[in-house]
Amino acid sequence: MYMLYKFRKDRQFVFLILVLTVCVFSQLIIAFDITRVICLAFPVLLISAEKMKSYYEPQRFTRLFLLLTIANFMFLQYFMSADALIPMPPLPYSFLLNQIGIGF
């Protein structure tokens, strides 16, 4: 969003993305299932990716998208609710932890 605002001066699109993101996160005030509420922001990711696709040539955008997708699988994720925080390690971590005898 910073790139769109700073370099492209696309204020209307940046405002739309900010409004959508604020609306999703404002639901966290009343919701207990935090994981599902944050998943409501997934369309923001798709809309932003489609917008960024128009600024890059297809080969560079595909390379960047695949790199970000692979990097995303390396972050430890958690299932969060009002009374629990359950770690959900990515598949490479789960496989490695099961191989050494430490499983979730």
PDB file of N, CA and C in Angstrom:
ATOM      1  N   MET A   1       0.822  -1.173   0.000  1.00  0.00           N
ATOM      2  CA  MET A   1       0.000   0.000   0.000  1.00  0.00           C
ATOM      3  C   MET A   1       0.873   1.246   0.000  1.00  0.00           C
ATOM      4  N   TYR A   2       1.980   1.161   0.696  1.00  0.00           N
ATOM      5  CA  TYR A   2       2.882   2.319   0.722  1.00  0.00           C
ATOM      6  C   TYR A   2       3.387   2.629  -0.683  1.00  0.00           C
ATOM      7  N   MET A   3       3.739   1.579  -1.435  1.00  0.00           N
ATOM      8  CA  MET A   3       4.230   1.789  -2.794  1.00  0.00           C
ATOM      9  C   MET A   3       3.156   2.430  -3.666  1.00  0.00           C
ATOM     10  N   LEU A   4       1.922   1.973  -3.514  1.00  0.00           N
ATOM     11  CA  LEU A   4       0.846   2.547  -4.318  1.00  0.00           C
ATOM     12  C   LEU A   4       0.615   4.012  -3.974  1.00  0.00           C
ATOM     13  N   TYR A   5       0.711   4.328  -2.711  1.00  0.00           N
ATOM     14  CA  TYR A   5       0.469   5.711  -2.300  1.00  0.00           C
ATOM     15  C   TYR A   5       1.644   6.624  -2.663  1.00  0.00           C
ATOM     16  N   LYS A   6       2.854   6.174  -2.376  1.00  0.00           N
ATOM     17  CA  LYS A   6       4.036   7.018  -2.544  1.00  0.00           C
ATOM     18  C   LYS A   6       4.413   7.213  -4.009  1.00  0.00           C
ATOM     19  N   PHE A   7       4.445   6.112  -4.759  1.00  0.00           N
ATOM     20  CA  PHE A   7       4.980   6.184  -6.112  1.00  0.00           C
ATOM     21  C   PHE A   7       3.905   6.316  -7.187  1.00  0.00           C
ATOM     22  N   ARG A   8       2.732   5.760  -6.965  1.00  0.00           N
ATOM     23  CA  ARG A   8       1.695   5.771  -7.996  1.00  0.00           C
ATOM     24  C   ARG A   8       0.618   6.819  -7.758  1.00  0.00           C
ATOM     25  N   LYS A   9       0.561   7.361  -6.545  1.00  0.00           N
ATOM     26  CA  LYS A   9      -0.436   8.359  -6.168  1.00  0.00           C
ATOM     27  C   LYS A   9      -1.864   7.854  -6.401  1.00  0.00           C
ATOM     28  N   ASP A  10      -2.069   6.581  -6.131  1.00  0.00           N
ATOM     29  CA  ASP A  10      -3.390   5.958  -6.309  1.00  0.00           C
ATOM     30  C   ASP A  10      -4.126   6.018  -4.972  1.00  0.00           C
ATOM     31  N   ARG A  11      -4.556   7.196  -4.589  1.00  0.00           N
ATOM     32  CA  ARG A  11      -5.144   7.420  -3.265  1.00  0.00           C
ATOM     33  C   ARG A  11      -6.493   6.720  -3.095  1.00  0.00           C
ATOM     34  N   GLN A  12      -7.283   6.673  -4.148  1.00  0.00           N
ATOM     35  CA  GLN A  12      -8.607   6.053  -4.046  1.00  0.00           C
ATOM     36  C   GLN A  12      -8.491   4.560  -3.737  1.00  0.00           C
ATOM     37  N   PHE A  13      -7.571   3.881  -4.401  1.00  0.00           N
ATOM     38  CA  PHE A  13      -7.387   2.453  -4.152  1.00  0.00           C
ATOM     39  C   PHE A  13      -6.834   2.206  -2.747  1.00  0.00           C
ATOM     40  N   VAL A  14      -5.877   3.013  -2.332  1.00  0.00           N
ATOM     41  CA  VAL A  14      -5.309   2.880  -0.991  1.00  0.00           C
ATOM     42  C   VAL A  14      -6.396   3.101   0.063  1.00  0.00           C
ATOM     43  N   PHE A  15      -7.252   4.085  -0.150  1.00  0.00           N
ATOM     44  CA  PHE A  15      -8.352   4.342   0.773  1.00  0.00           C
ATOM     45  C   PHE A  15      -9.308   3.150   0.827  1.00  0.00           C
ATOM     46  N   LEU A  16      -9.625   2.553  -0.320  1.00  0.00           N
ATOM     47  CA  LEU A  16     -10.497   1.375  -0.361  1.00  0.00           C
ATOM     48  C   LEU A  16      -9.905   0.218   0.435  1.00  0.00           C
ATOM     49  N   ILE A  17      -8.630  -0.047   0.241  1.00  0.00           N
ATOM     50  CA  ILE A  17      -7.969  -1.152   0.957  1.00  0.00           C
ATOM     51  C   ILE A  17      -7.933  -0.869   2.452  1.00  0.00           C
ATOM     52  N   LEU A  18      -7.651   0.362   2.828  1.00  0.00           N
ATOM     53  CA  LEU A  18      -7.636   0.708   4.253  1.00  0.00           C
ATOM     54  C   LEU A  18      -9.018   0.554   4.887  1.00  0.00           C
ATOM     55  N   VAL A  19     -10.054   0.980   4.187  1.00  0.00           N
ATOM     56  CA  VAL A  19     -11.416   0.850   4.719  1.00  0.00           C
ATOM     57  C   VAL A  19     -11.787  -0.624   4.883  1.00  0.00           C
ATOM     58  N   LEU A  20     -11.479  -1.448   3.885  1.00  0.00           N
ATOM     59  CA  LEU A  20     -11.779  -2.879   3.994  1.00  0.00           C
ATOM     60  C   LEU A  20     -11.025  -3.520   5.153  1.00  0.00           C
ATOM     61  N   THR A  21      -9.759  -3.166   5.311  1.00  0.00           N
ATOM     62  CA  THR A  21      -8.959  -3.732   6.395  1.00  0.00           C
ATOM     63  C   THR A  21      -9.466  -3.277   7.758  1.00  0.00           C
ATOM     64  N   VAL A  22      -9.793  -2.020   7.901  1.00  0.00           N
ATOM     65  CA  VAL A  22     -10.312  -1.506   9.174  1.00  0.00           C
ATOM     66  C   VAL A  22     -11.650  -2.157   9.507  1.00  0.00           C
ATOM     67  N   CYS A  23     -12.503  -2.353   8.513  1.00  0.00           N
ATOM     68  CA  CYS A  23     -13.790  -3.010   8.764  1.00  0.00           C
ATOM     69  C   CYS A  23     -13.602  -4.438   9.268  1.00  0.00           C
ATOM     70  N   VAL A  24     -12.667  -5.161   8.672  1.00  0.00           N
ATOM     71  CA  VAL A  24     -12.418  -6.537   9.119  1.00  0.00           C
ATOM     72  C   VAL A  24     -11.868  -6.542  10.542  1.00  0.00           C
ATOM     73  N   PHE A  25     -10.874  -5.706  10.812  1.00  0.00           N
ATOM     74  CA  PHE A  25     -10.270  -5.718  12.136  1.00  0.00           C
ATOM     75  C   PHE A  25     -11.179  -5.124  13.208  1.00  0.00           C
ATOM     76  N   SER A  26     -12.130  -4.302  12.815  1.00  0.00           N
ATOM     77  CA  SER A  26     -13.078  -3.783  13.807  1.00  0.00           C
ATOM     78  C   SER A  26     -14.007  -4.876  14.316  1.00  0.00           C
ATOM     79  N   GLN A  27     -14.174  -5.935  13.546  1.00  0.00           N
ATOM     80  CA  GLN A  27     -14.985  -7.063  14.011  1.00  0.00           C
ATOM     81  C   GLN A  27     -14.306  -7.827  15.145  1.00  0.00           C
ATOM     82  N   LEU A  28     -13.006  -7.634  15.312  1.00  0.00           N
ATOM     83  CA  LEU A  28     -12.289  -8.306  16.396  1.00  0.00           C
ATOM     84  C   LEU A  28     -12.737  -7.807  17.774  1.00  0.00           C
ATOM     85  N   ILE A  29     -13.399  -6.664  17.812  1.00  0.00           N
ATOM     86  CA  ILE A  29     -13.885  -6.139  19.082  1.00  0.00           C
ATOM     87  C   ILE A  29     -14.972  -7.038  19.668  1.00  0.00           C
ATOM     88  N   ILE A  30     -15.795  -7.623  18.804  1.00  0.00           N
ATOM     89  CA  ILE A  30     -16.928  -8.419  19.280  1.00  0.00           C
ATOM     90  C   ILE A  30     -16.775  -9.907  19.017  1.00  0.00           C
ATOM     91  N   ALA A  31     -15.779 -10.330  18.264  1.00  0.00           N
ATOM     92  CA  ALA A  31     -15.669 -11.734  17.858  1.00  0.00           C
ATOM     93  C   ALA A  31     -14.744 -12.511  18.782  1.00  0.00           C
ATOM     94  N   PHE A  32     -15.042 -13.793  18.921  1.00  0.00           N
ATOM     95  CA  PHE A  32     -14.176 -14.684  19.688  1.00  0.00           C
ATOM     96  C   PHE A  32     -13.302 -15.543  18.782  1.00  0.00           C
ATOM     97  N   ASP A  33     -13.791 -15.879  17.610  1.00  0.00           N
ATOM     98  CA  ASP A  33     -13.024 -16.718  16.689  1.00  0.00           C
ATOM     99  C   ASP A  33     -12.156 -15.817  15.816  1.00  0.00           C
ATOM    100  N   ILE A  34     -11.005 -15.472  16.339  1.00  0.00           N
ATOM    101  CA  ILE A  34     -10.130 -14.491  15.709  1.00  0.00           C
ATOM    102  C   ILE A  34      -9.615 -14.987  14.365  1.00  0.00           C
ATOM    103  N   THR A  35      -9.333 -16.274  14.248  1.00  0.00           N
ATOM    104  CA  THR A  35      -8.782 -16.822  13.014  1.00  0.00           C
ATOM    105  C   THR A  35      -9.734 -16.609  11.843  1.00  0.00           C
ATOM    106  N   ARG A  36     -11.002 -16.898  12.029  1.00  0.00           N
ATOM    107  CA  ARG A  36     -11.972 -16.732  10.940  1.00  0.00           C
ATOM    108  C   ARG A  36     -12.220 -15.270  10.606  1.00  0.00           C
ATOM    109  N   VAL A  37     -12.212 -14.418  11.598  1.00  0.00           N
ATOM    110  CA  VAL A  37     -12.444 -13.000  11.338  1.00  0.00           C
ATOM    111  C   VAL A  37     -11.306 -12.427  10.492  1.00  0.00           C
ATOM    112  N   ILE A  38     -10.088 -12.801  10.787  1.00  0.00           N
ATOM    113  CA  ILE A  38      -8.957 -12.295  10.009  1.00  0.00           C
ATOM    114  C   ILE A  38      -8.982 -12.870   8.595  1.00  0.00           C
ATOM    115  N   CYS A  39      -9.538 -14.067   8.421  1.00  0.00           N
ATOM    116  CA  CYS A  39      -9.674 -14.637   7.073  1.00  0.00           C
ATOM    117  C   CYS A  39     -10.636 -13.828   6.206  1.00  0.00           C
ATOM    118  N   LEU A  40     -11.482 -13.020   6.820  1.00  0.00           N
ATOM    119  CA  LEU A  40     -12.360 -12.158   6.038  1.00  0.00           C
ATOM    120  C   LEU A  40     -11.570 -11.103   5.257  1.00  0.00           C
ATOM    121  N   ALA A  41     -10.338 -10.879   5.645  1.00  0.00           N
ATOM    122  CA  ALA A  41      -9.492  -9.910   4.945  1.00  0.00           C
ATOM    123  C   ALA A  41      -8.829 -10.512   3.706  1.00  0.00           C
ATOM    124  N   PHE A  42      -9.062 -11.776   3.422  1.00  0.00           N
ATOM    125  CA  PHE A  42      -8.438 -12.418   2.257  1.00  0.00           C
ATOM    126  C   PHE A  42      -8.770 -11.717   0.935  1.00  0.00           C
ATOM    127  N   PRO A  43     -10.004 -11.252   0.718  1.00  0.00           N
ATOM    128  CA  PRO A  43     -10.259 -10.512  -0.526  1.00  0.00           C
ATOM    129  C   PRO A  43      -9.389  -9.267  -0.683  1.00  0.00           C
ATOM    130  N   VAL A  44      -8.998  -8.650   0.412  1.00  0.00           N
ATOM    131  CA  VAL A  44      -8.094  -7.497   0.329  1.00  0.00           C
ATOM    132  C   VAL A  44      -6.771  -7.931  -0.305  1.00  0.00           C
ATOM    133  N   LEU A  45      -6.290  -9.108   0.067  1.00  0.00           N
ATOM    134  CA  LEU A  45      -5.055  -9.630  -0.514  1.00  0.00           C
ATOM    135  C   LEU A  45      -5.216  -9.876  -2.006  1.00  0.00           C
ATOM    136  N   LEU A  46      -6.339 -10.454  -2.400  1.00  0.00           N
ATOM    137  CA  LEU A  46      -6.560 -10.735  -3.822  1.00  0.00           C
ATOM    138  C   LEU A  46      -6.699  -9.454  -4.645  1.00  0.00           C
ATOM    139  N   ILE A  47      -7.436  -8.495  -4.123  1.00  0.00           N
ATOM    140  CA  ILE A  47      -7.615  -7.228  -4.829  1.00  0.00           C
ATOM    141  C   ILE A  47      -6.277  -6.503  -4.959  1.00  0.00           C
ATOM    142  N   SER A  48      -5.481  -6.512  -3.900  1.00  0.00           N
ATOM    143  CA  SER A  48      -4.173  -5.853  -3.943  1.00  0.00           C
ATOM    144  C   SER A  48      -3.231  -6.550  -4.923  1.00  0.00           C
ATOM    145  N   ALA A  49      -3.264  -7.870  -4.942  1.00  0.00           N
ATOM    146  CA  ALA A  49      -2.406  -8.613  -5.879  1.00  0.00           C
ATOM    147  C   ALA A  49      -2.801  -8.309  -7.324  1.00  0.00           C
ATOM    148  N   GLU A  50      -4.084  -8.225  -7.587  1.00  0.00           N
ATOM    149  CA  GLU A  50      -4.533  -7.901  -8.946  1.00  0.00           C
ATOM    150  C   GLU A  50      -4.085  -6.498  -9.352  1.00  0.00           C
ATOM    151  N   LYS A  51      -4.126  -5.581  -8.420  1.00  0.00           N
ATOM    152  CA  LYS A  51      -3.689  -4.213  -8.707  1.00  0.00           C
ATOM    153  C   LYS A  51      -2.181  -4.172  -8.954  1.00  0.00           C
ATOM    154  N   MET A  52      -1.413  -4.856  -8.133  1.00  0.00           N
ATOM    155  CA  MET A  52       0.043  -4.859  -8.293  1.00  0.00           C
ATOM    156  C   MET A  52       0.461  -5.581  -9.578  1.00  0.00           C
ATOM    157  N   LYS A  53      -0.352  -6.515 -10.024  1.00  0.00           N
ATOM    158  CA  LYS A  53      -0.053  -7.241 -11.266  1.00  0.00           C
ATOM    159  C   LYS A  53       0.018  -6.297 -12.459  1.00  0.00           C
ATOM    160  N   SER A  54      -0.765  -5.238 -12.429  1.00  0.00           N
ATOM    161  CA  SER A  54      -0.759  -4.296 -13.546  1.00  0.00           C
ATOM    162  C   SER A  54       0.497  -3.418 -13.553  1.00  0.00           C
ATOM    163  N   TYR A  55       1.236  -3.359 -12.472  1.00  0.00           N
ATOM    164  CA  TYR A  55       2.439  -2.534 -12.397  1.00  0.00           C
ATOM    165  C   TYR A  55       3.719  -3.278 -12.753  1.00  0.00           C
ATOM    166  N   TYR A  56       3.694  -4.595 -12.725  1.00  0.00           N
ATOM    167  CA  TYR A  56       4.884  -5.395 -13.015  1.00  0.00           C
ATOM    168  C   TYR A  56       4.677  -6.195 -14.292  1.00  0.00           C
ATOM    169  N   GLU A  57       5.773  -6.537 -14.951  1.00  0.00           N
ATOM    170  CA  GLU A  57       5.653  -7.436 -16.092  1.00  0.00           C
ATOM    171  C   GLU A  57       5.324  -8.837 -15.557  1.00  0.00           C
ATOM    172  N   PRO A  58       4.634  -9.657 -16.340  1.00  0.00           N
ATOM    173  CA  PRO A  58       4.119 -10.942 -15.839  1.00  0.00           C
ATOM    174  C   PRO A  58       5.177 -11.857 -15.232  1.00  0.00           C
ATOM    175  N   GLN A  59       6.351 -11.951 -15.858  1.00  0.00           N
ATOM    176  CA  GLN A  59       7.379 -12.857 -15.341  1.00  0.00           C
ATOM    177  C   GLN A  59       7.881 -12.406 -13.967  1.00  0.00           C
ATOM    178  N   ARG A  60       8.085 -11.109 -13.794  1.00  0.00           N
ATOM    179  CA  ARG A  60       8.569 -10.602 -12.509  1.00  0.00           C
ATOM    180  C   ARG A  60       7.496 -10.748 -11.424  1.00  0.00           C
ATOM    181  N   PHE A  61       6.247 -10.479 -11.781  1.00  0.00           N
ATOM    182  CA  PHE A  61       5.159 -10.617 -10.808  1.00  0.00           C
ATOM    183  C   PHE A  61       5.010 -12.066 -10.366  1.00  0.00           C
ATOM    184  N   THR A  62       5.081 -13.002 -11.306  1.00  0.00           N
ATOM    185  CA  THR A  62       4.972 -14.428 -10.966  1.00  0.00           C
ATOM    186  C   THR A  62       6.100 -14.855 -10.045  1.00  0.00           C
ATOM    187  N   ARG A  63       7.309 -14.414 -10.340  1.00  0.00           N
ATOM    188  CA  ARG A  63       8.463 -14.757  -9.502  1.00  0.00           C
ATOM    189  C   ARG A  63       8.299 -14.194  -8.086  1.00  0.00           C
ATOM    190  N   LEU A  64       7.869 -12.939  -7.993  1.00  0.00           N
ATOM    191  CA  LEU A  64       7.660 -12.308  -6.696  1.00  0.00           C
ATOM    192  C   LEU A  64       6.537 -12.992  -5.917  1.00  0.00           C
ATOM    193  N   PHE A  65       5.444 -13.325  -6.603  1.00  0.00           N
ATOM    194  CA  PHE A  65       4.319 -13.988  -5.965  1.00  0.00           C
ATOM    195  C   PHE A  65       4.711 -15.367  -5.428  1.00  0.00           C
ATOM    196  N   LEU A  66       5.446 -16.133  -6.224  1.00  0.00           N
ATOM    197  CA  LEU A  66       5.877 -17.460  -5.766  1.00  0.00           C
ATOM    198  C   LEU A  66       6.844 -17.359  -4.591  1.00  0.00           C
ATOM    199  N   LEU A  67       7.737 -16.390  -4.615  1.00  0.00           N
ATOM    200  CA  LEU A  67       8.670 -16.192  -3.508  1.00  0.00           C
ATOM    201  C   LEU A  67       7.921 -15.854  -2.220  1.00  0.00           C
ATOM    202  N   LEU A  68       6.947 -14.955  -2.303  1.00  0.00           N
ATOM    203  CA  LEU A  68       6.157 -14.597  -1.127  1.00  0.00           C
ATOM    204  C   LEU A  68       5.311 -15.770  -0.632  1.00  0.00           C
ATOM    205  N   THR A  69       4.790 -16.570  -1.545  1.00  0.00           N
ATOM    206  CA  THR A  69       3.996 -17.739  -1.155  1.00  0.00           C
ATOM    207  C   THR A  69       4.861 -18.760  -0.420  1.00  0.00           C
ATOM    208  N   ILE A  70       6.049 -19.023  -0.922  1.00  0.00           N
ATOM    209  CA  ILE A  70       6.956 -19.971  -0.258  1.00  0.00           C
ATOM    210  C   ILE A  70       7.382 -19.436   1.103  1.00  0.00           C
ATOM    211  N   ALA A  71       7.680 -18.154   1.189  1.00  0.00           N
ATOM    212  CA  ALA A  71       8.072 -17.559   2.469  1.00  0.00           C
ATOM    213  C   ALA A  71       6.931 -17.624   3.477  1.00  0.00           C
ATOM    214  N   ASN A  72       5.703 -17.514   3.016  1.00  0.00           N
ATOM    215  CA  ASN A  72       4.549 -17.568   3.910  1.00  0.00           C
ATOM    216  C   ASN A  72       4.436 -18.919   4.614  1.00  0.00           C
ATOM    217  N   PHE A  73       4.841 -19.995   3.957  1.00  0.00           N
ATOM    218  CA  PHE A  73       4.750 -21.316   4.571  1.00  0.00           C
ATOM    219  C   PHE A  73       5.779 -21.528   5.673  1.00  0.00           C
ATOM    220  N   MET A  74       6.739 -20.634   5.803  1.00  0.00           N
ATOM    221  CA  MET A  74       7.772 -20.786   6.818  1.00  0.00           C
ATOM    222  C   MET A  74       7.412 -20.105   8.141  1.00  0.00           C
ATOM    223  N   PHE A  75       6.325 -19.339   8.172  1.00  0.00           N
ATOM    224  CA  PHE A  75       5.916 -18.670   9.405  1.00  0.00           C
ATOM    225  C   PHE A  75       5.046 -19.588  10.246  1.00  0.00           C
ATOM    226  N   LEU A  76       5.307 -19.607  11.538  1.00  0.00           N
ATOM    227  CA  LEU A  76       4.490 -20.387  12.446  1.00  0.00           C
ATOM    228  C   LEU A  76       3.143 -19.702  12.622  1.00  0.00           C
ATOM    229  N   GLN A  77       2.073 -20.466  12.469  1.00  0.00           N
ATOM    230  CA  GLN A  77       0.732 -19.920  12.591  1.00  0.00           C
ATOM    231  C   GLN A  77       0.066 -20.493  13.826  1.00  0.00           C
ATOM    232  N   TYR A  78      -0.908 -19.770  14.329  1.00  0.00           N
ATOM    233  CA  TYR A  78      -1.638 -20.186  15.508  1.00  0.00           C
ATOM    234  C   TYR A  78      -3.131 -20.132  15.243  1.00  0.00           C
ATOM    235  N   PHE A  79      -3.849 -21.081  15.833  1.00  0.00           N
ATOM    236  CA  PHE A  79      -5.301 -21.019  15.852  1.00  0.00           C
ATOM    237  C   PHE A  79      -5.665 -20.322  17.153  1.00  0.00           C
ATOM    238  N   MET A  80      -6.330 -19.179  17.055  1.00  0.00           N
ATOM    239  CA  MET A  80      -6.631 -18.395  18.244  1.00  0.00           C
ATOM    240  C   MET A  80      -8.133 -18.291  18.440  1.00  0.00           C
ATOM    241  N   SER A  81      -8.534 -18.472  19.681  1.00  0.00           N
ATOM    242  CA  SER A  81      -9.927 -18.239  20.055  1.00  0.00           C
ATOM    243  C   SER A  81      -9.920 -17.571  21.425  1.00  0.00           C
ATOM    244  N   ALA A  82     -11.083 -17.441  22.023  1.00  0.00           N
ATOM    245  CA  ALA A  82     -11.178 -16.729  23.300  1.00  0.00           C
ATOM    246  C   ALA A  82     -10.432 -17.440  24.416  1.00  0.00           C
ATOM    247  N   ASP A  83     -10.344 -18.765  24.351  1.00  0.00           N
ATOM    248  CA  ASP A  83      -9.745 -19.494  25.470  1.00  0.00           C
ATOM    249  C   ASP A  83      -8.561 -20.383  25.086  1.00  0.00           C
ATOM    250  N   ALA A  84      -8.097 -20.321  23.839  1.00  0.00           N
ATOM    251  CA  ALA A  84      -7.010 -21.216  23.438  1.00  0.00           C
ATOM    252  C   ALA A  84      -6.108 -20.559  22.408  1.00  0.00           C
ATOM    253  N   LEU A  85      -4.861 -20.980  22.444  1.00  0.00           N
ATOM    254  CA  LEU A  85      -3.878 -20.576  21.454  1.00  0.00           C
ATOM    255  C   LEU A  85      -3.137 -21.845  21.052  1.00  0.00           C
ATOM    256  N   ILE A  86      -3.480 -22.391  19.896  1.00  0.00           N
ATOM    257  CA  ILE A  86      -2.953 -23.677  19.462  1.00  0.00           C
ATOM    258  C   ILE A  86      -1.987 -23.455  18.304  1.00  0.00           C
ATOM    259  N   PRO A  87      -0.711 -23.865  18.464  1.00  0.00           N
ATOM    260  CA  PRO A  87       0.238 -23.685  17.357  1.00  0.00           C
ATOM    261  C   PRO A  87      -0.077 -24.649  16.218  1.00  0.00           C
ATOM    262  N   MET A  88       0.053 -24.144  15.002  1.00  0.00           N
ATOM    263  CA  MET A  88      -0.141 -24.959  13.802  1.00  0.00           C
ATOM    264  C   MET A  88       1.100 -24.803  12.931  1.00  0.00           C
ATOM    265  N   PRO A  89       2.134 -25.616  13.181  1.00  0.00           N
ATOM    266  CA  PRO A  89       3.373 -25.449  12.419  1.00  0.00           C
ATOM    267  C   PRO A  89       3.164 -25.804  10.945  1.00  0.00           C
ATOM    268  N   PRO A  90       3.890 -25.125  10.046  1.00  0.00           N
ATOM    269  CA  PRO A  90       3.803 -25.452   8.621  1.00  0.00           C
ATOM    270  C   PRO A  90       4.265 -26.879   8.361  1.00  0.00           C
ATOM    271  N   LEU A  91       3.896 -27.416   7.221  1.00  0.00           N
ATOM    272  CA  LEU A  91       4.201 -28.803   6.892  1.00  0.00           C
ATOM    273  C   LEU A  91       5.687 -29.142   6.993  1.00  0.00           C
ATOM    274  N   PRO A  92       6.612 -28.301   6.486  1.00  0.00           N
ATOM    275  CA  PRO A  92       8.031 -28.668   6.646  1.00  0.00           C
ATOM    276  C   PRO A  92       8.444 -28.785   8.115  1.00  0.00           C
ATOM    277  N   TYR A  93       7.950 -27.877   8.962  1.00  0.00           N
ATOM    278  CA  TYR A  93       8.262 -27.950  10.390  1.00  0.00           C
ATOM    279  C   TYR A  93       7.628 -29.184  11.022  1.00  0.00           C
ATOM    280  N   SER A  94       6.375 -29.458  10.686  1.00  0.00           N
ATOM    281  CA  SER A  94       5.686 -30.624  11.249  1.00  0.00           C
ATOM    282  C   SER A  94       6.422 -31.908  10.896  1.00  0.00           C
ATOM    283  N   PHE A  95       6.822 -32.020   9.636  1.00  0.00           N
ATOM    284  CA  PHE A  95       7.547 -33.209   9.202  1.00  0.00           C
ATOM    285  C   PHE A  95       8.859 -33.347   9.954  1.00  0.00           C
ATOM    286  N   LEU A  96       9.598 -32.251  10.075  1.00  0.00           N
ATOM    287  CA  LEU A  96      10.877 -32.279  10.784  1.00  0.00           C
ATOM    288  C   LEU A  96      10.687 -32.610  12.262  1.00  0.00           C
ATOM    289  N   LEU A  97       9.688 -31.993  12.905  1.00  0.00           N
ATOM    290  CA  LEU A  97       9.437 -32.270  14.323  1.00  0.00           C
ATOM    291  C   LEU A  97       8.991 -33.701  14.559  1.00  0.00           C
ATOM    292  N   ASN A  98       8.201 -34.260  13.652  1.00  0.00           N
ATOM    293  CA  ASN A  98       7.795 -35.668  13.782  1.00  0.00           C
ATOM    294  C   ASN A  98       8.977 -36.601  13.598  1.00  0.00           C
ATOM    295  N   GLN A  99       9.909 -36.243  12.729  1.00  0.00           N
ATOM    296  CA  GLN A  99      11.071 -37.085  12.493  1.00  0.00           C
ATOM    297  C   GLN A  99      12.004 -37.139  13.702  1.00  0.00           C
ATOM    298  N   ILE A 100      12.088 -36.049  14.453  1.00  0.00           N
ATOM    299  CA  ILE A 100      12.966 -36.055  15.614  1.00  0.00           C
ATOM    300  C   ILE A 100      12.211 -36.421  16.894  1.00  0.00           C
ATOM    301  N   GLY A 101      10.912 -36.695  16.765  1.00  0.00           N
ATOM    302  CA  GLY A 101      10.149 -37.193  17.914  1.00  0.00           C
ATOM    303  C   GLY A 101       9.409 -36.150  18.704  1.00  0.00           C
ATOM    304  N   ILE A 102       9.342 -34.942  18.216  1.00  0.00           N
ATOM    305  CA  ILE A 102       8.593 -33.890  18.904  1.00  0.00           C
ATOM    306  C   ILE A 102       7.402 -33.564  18.019  1.00  0.00           C
ATOM    307  N   GLY A 103       6.241 -34.014  18.396  1.00  0.00           N
ATOM    308  CA  GLY A 103       5.072 -33.763  17.556  1.00  0.00           C
ATOM    309  C   GLY A 103       4.066 -32.878  18.239  1.00  0.00           C
ATOM    310  N   PHE A 104       3.277 -32.203  17.447  1.00  0.00           N
ATOM    311  CA  PHE A 104       2.202 -31.363  17.988  1.00  0.00           C
ATOM    312  C   PHE A 104       0.905 -32.133  17.954  1.00  0.00           C
TER     313      PHE A 104
END
